[in-house]
Amino acid sequence: MMAADIATLIRKGGVYHSMEGSTAEEIYKKFTDSVNFPPAVNKATVYEALCAREKIMSTAVGNGIALPHARASIITSEDDQRVSVVYLKEPIDMKAPDEIKVYVMFILLTQNPQTHLQILSTLAGLFRKPKFRSVLERRASEEEILAAVNELS
C-alpha cells in the first residue's frame, strides 16, 4: 500500500476532532451518527460491526492509538473504502497492551481482507515512527496528517 493510497483513504474518511464518549461504543455511535457515508454504506451496520469487533478484543494498539474495524468487509465498493481519523475529546481506557488511554482512533472501513491488512501494515509502520506519533499527539489537522503520511511512508 502506497502512502498516496493511505492519504486518499484518510481524505475520504476525514479527520474528526473532540469526539465525545466515555466508552468505545459511545464513540462509535457519535462517529457513525456524524459521518456522511456513501449511500451504499449503512450507518447502523457500521456501528454494529465496530462494536462487535471491539467485544472480541480491544482494537487499541498502544501509544494512545486504536484501529477500530469490522471483522468482515461491510464495504462493497472500492470507492467507498475509507480511513477516518477520530480524535477523542477525552482519552478512554480501551485496555491497550501498554495501558495508555486511547486519544485517537483510525477507523478502517475496507472492501476486502487483503486491502485491510495492507492498510493495517502501513499504519503500523507509521505508528512506530516518533515523528508521526508527535503529529498525532498535537491533534493535527487533516492536511498535517496527510503531509506526515506522505513524508514518512
Protein backbone atom coordinates (compact mmCIF):
# COMPACT_ATOMS: atom_id res chain seq x y z
CA MET A 1 0.00 0.00 0.00
CA MET A 2 1.47 3.31 -1.05
CA ALA A 3 1.42 6.50 1.03
CA ALA A 4 -0.76 8.10 -1.63
CA ASP A 5 -3.33 5.32 -1.12
CA ILE A 6 -3.43 5.82 2.65
CA ALA A 7 -3.65 9.59 2.13
CA THR A 8 -6.58 9.13 -0.27
CA LEU A 9 -8.37 6.86 2.20
CA ILE A 10 -7.87 9.38 5.03
CA ARG A 11 -9.09 12.21 2.79
CA LYS A 12 -12.24 10.15 2.06
CA GLY A 13 -12.70 9.22 5.70
CA GLY A 14 -11.97 12.62 7.16
CA VAL A 15 -10.42 13.85 10.38
CA TYR A 16 -12.71 14.49 13.34
CA HIS A 17 -11.77 16.41 16.47
CA SER A 18 -13.18 16.29 20.02
CA MET A 19 -15.43 13.25 19.52
CA GLU A 20 -17.28 12.75 22.79
CA GLY A 21 -17.86 9.49 24.62
CA SER A 22 -16.58 7.60 27.64
CA THR A 23 -16.57 4.13 26.01
CA ALA A 24 -15.60 2.82 22.59
CA GLU A 25 -19.27 2.08 21.88
CA GLU A 26 -20.28 5.67 22.68
CA ILE A 27 -17.53 6.98 20.42
CA TYR A 28 -18.62 4.64 17.59
CA LYS A 29 -22.22 5.81 17.95
CA LYS A 30 -21.26 9.50 17.80
CA PHE A 31 -18.94 8.78 14.89
CA THR A 32 -21.49 6.88 12.81
CA ASP A 33 -24.16 9.48 13.56
CA SER A 34 -21.95 12.39 12.48
CA VAL A 35 -20.33 10.99 9.32
CA ASN A 36 -21.78 11.32 5.85
CA PHE A 37 -21.28 7.82 4.49
CA PRO A 38 -21.87 6.97 0.82
CA PRO A 39 -25.46 5.82 0.11
CA ALA A 40 -24.38 2.15 -0.11
CA VAL A 41 -22.99 2.26 3.47
CA ASN A 42 -25.50 1.74 6.28
CA LYS A 43 -24.65 3.68 9.49
CA ALA A 44 -26.26 1.08 11.74
CA THR A 45 -24.28 -1.71 10.07
CA VAL A 46 -21.02 0.21 10.58
CA TYR A 47 -21.84 0.87 14.24
CA GLU A 48 -22.80 -2.76 14.92
CA ALA A 49 -19.70 -4.09 13.13
CA LEU A 50 -17.34 -1.82 15.09
CA CYS A 51 -18.96 -2.77 18.42
CA ALA A 52 -18.96 -6.49 17.58
CA ARG A 53 -15.24 -6.41 16.75
CA GLU A 54 -14.42 -4.49 19.95
CA LYS A 55 -16.23 -7.12 22.06
CA ILE A 56 -13.90 -9.83 20.74
CA MET A 57 -10.69 -7.99 21.58
CA SER A 58 -9.63 -4.39 22.07
CA THR A 59 -8.51 -2.57 18.93
CA ALA A 60 -6.14 -0.39 21.00
CA VAL A 61 -2.60 -0.88 19.71
CA GLY A 62 -0.65 1.27 22.18
CA ASN A 63 0.71 4.81 22.35
CA GLY A 64 -2.85 6.12 22.73
CA ILE A 65 -3.91 4.78 19.32
CA ALA A 66 -6.73 2.39 18.36
CA LEU A 67 -7.57 0.80 15.00
CA PRO A 68 -11.31 0.03 15.10
CA HIS A 69 -12.57 -2.01 12.16
CA ALA A 70 -15.17 -4.59 11.21
CA ARG A 71 -14.26 -8.28 11.29
CA ALA A 72 -15.81 -8.83 7.88
CA SER A 73 -15.95 -6.44 4.96
CA ILE A 74 -19.01 -4.21 5.17
CA ILE A 75 -17.96 -2.02 2.25
CA THR A 76 -18.88 -3.39 -1.17
CA SER A 77 -17.26 -0.80 -3.42
CA GLU A 78 -13.57 0.06 -3.60
CA ASP A 79 -14.59 3.73 -3.97
CA ASP A 80 -16.39 3.63 -0.60
CA GLN A 81 -13.33 2.45 1.36
CA ARG A 82 -12.02 4.95 3.88
CA VAL A 83 -9.95 5.56 6.98
CA SER A 84 -11.34 8.10 9.44
CA VAL A 85 -9.04 9.72 11.99
CA VAL A 86 -11.02 10.43 15.15
CA TYR A 87 -9.51 12.47 17.98
CA LEU A 88 -11.35 11.92 21.26
CA LYS A 89 -12.38 14.83 23.46
CA GLU A 90 -11.17 12.84 26.48
CA PRO A 91 -8.90 9.76 26.30
CA ILE A 92 -10.64 6.47 27.15
CA ASP A 93 -9.41 3.17 28.56
CA MET A 94 -9.59 0.52 25.84
CA LYS A 95 -7.32 -1.97 27.62
CA ALA A 96 -4.33 -1.21 25.40
CA PRO A 97 -1.30 -3.51 25.72
CA ASP A 98 0.74 -0.60 27.16
CA GLU A 99 -2.20 0.57 29.34
CA ILE A 100 -2.11 4.07 27.79
CA LYS A 101 -5.58 5.55 27.29
CA VAL A 102 -6.68 5.99 23.67
CA TYR A 103 -6.89 9.55 22.37
CA VAL A 104 -7.03 8.87 18.62
CA MET A 105 -8.72 6.20 16.51
CA PHE A 106 -8.07 5.26 12.91
CA ILE A 107 -11.41 3.71 11.92
CA LEU A 108 -10.93 1.41 8.91
CA LEU A 109 -13.75 0.61 6.51
CA THR A 110 -12.41 -1.64 3.78
CA GLN A 111 -13.72 -3.79 0.97
CA ASN A 112 -11.65 -6.95 1.40
CA PRO A 113 -9.23 -8.63 3.82
CA GLN A 114 -6.18 -8.07 1.60
CA THR A 115 -6.69 -4.29 1.44
CA HIS A 116 -7.48 -4.25 5.15
CA LEU A 117 -4.20 -5.99 6.03
CA GLN A 118 -2.21 -3.70 3.72
CA ILE A 119 -3.69 -0.62 5.41
CA LEU A 120 -3.02 -2.06 8.89
CA SER A 121 0.57 -2.80 7.94
CA THR A 122 1.16 0.69 6.53
CA LEU A 123 -0.42 2.37 9.55
CA ALA A 124 1.55 0.16 11.97
CA GLY A 125 4.74 1.29 10.25
CA LEU A 126 3.72 4.93 10.67
CA PHE A 127 2.77 4.42 14.32
CA ARG A 128 6.28 3.12 15.05
CA LYS A 129 7.75 6.46 13.96
CA PRO A 130 8.07 9.02 16.78
CA LYS A 131 7.66 11.88 14.29
CA PHE A 132 4.26 10.55 13.14
CA ARG A 133 3.11 9.94 16.72
CA SER A 134 4.08 13.53 17.62
CA VAL A 135 1.90 14.78 14.74
CA LEU A 136 -1.00 12.79 16.18
CA GLU A 137 -0.30 13.96 19.74
CA ARG A 138 -0.63 17.56 18.52
CA ARG A 139 -4.10 16.59 17.25
CA ALA A 140 -3.01 17.74 13.83
CA SER A 141 -5.32 18.82 11.02
CA GLU A 142 -6.11 16.62 8.04
CA GLU A 143 -3.53 18.43 5.90
CA GLU A 144 -0.80 17.97 8.53
CA ILE A 145 -1.62 14.26 8.87
CA LEU A 146 -1.58 13.78 5.10
CA ALA A 147 1.74 15.61 4.80
CA ALA A 148 3.22 13.37 7.50
CA VAL A 149 1.87 10.22 5.81
CA ASN A 150 3.43 11.26 2.50
CA GLU A 151 6.74 12.23 4.11
CA LEU A 152 7.16 9.22 6.38
CA SER A 153 5.71 6.32 4.38
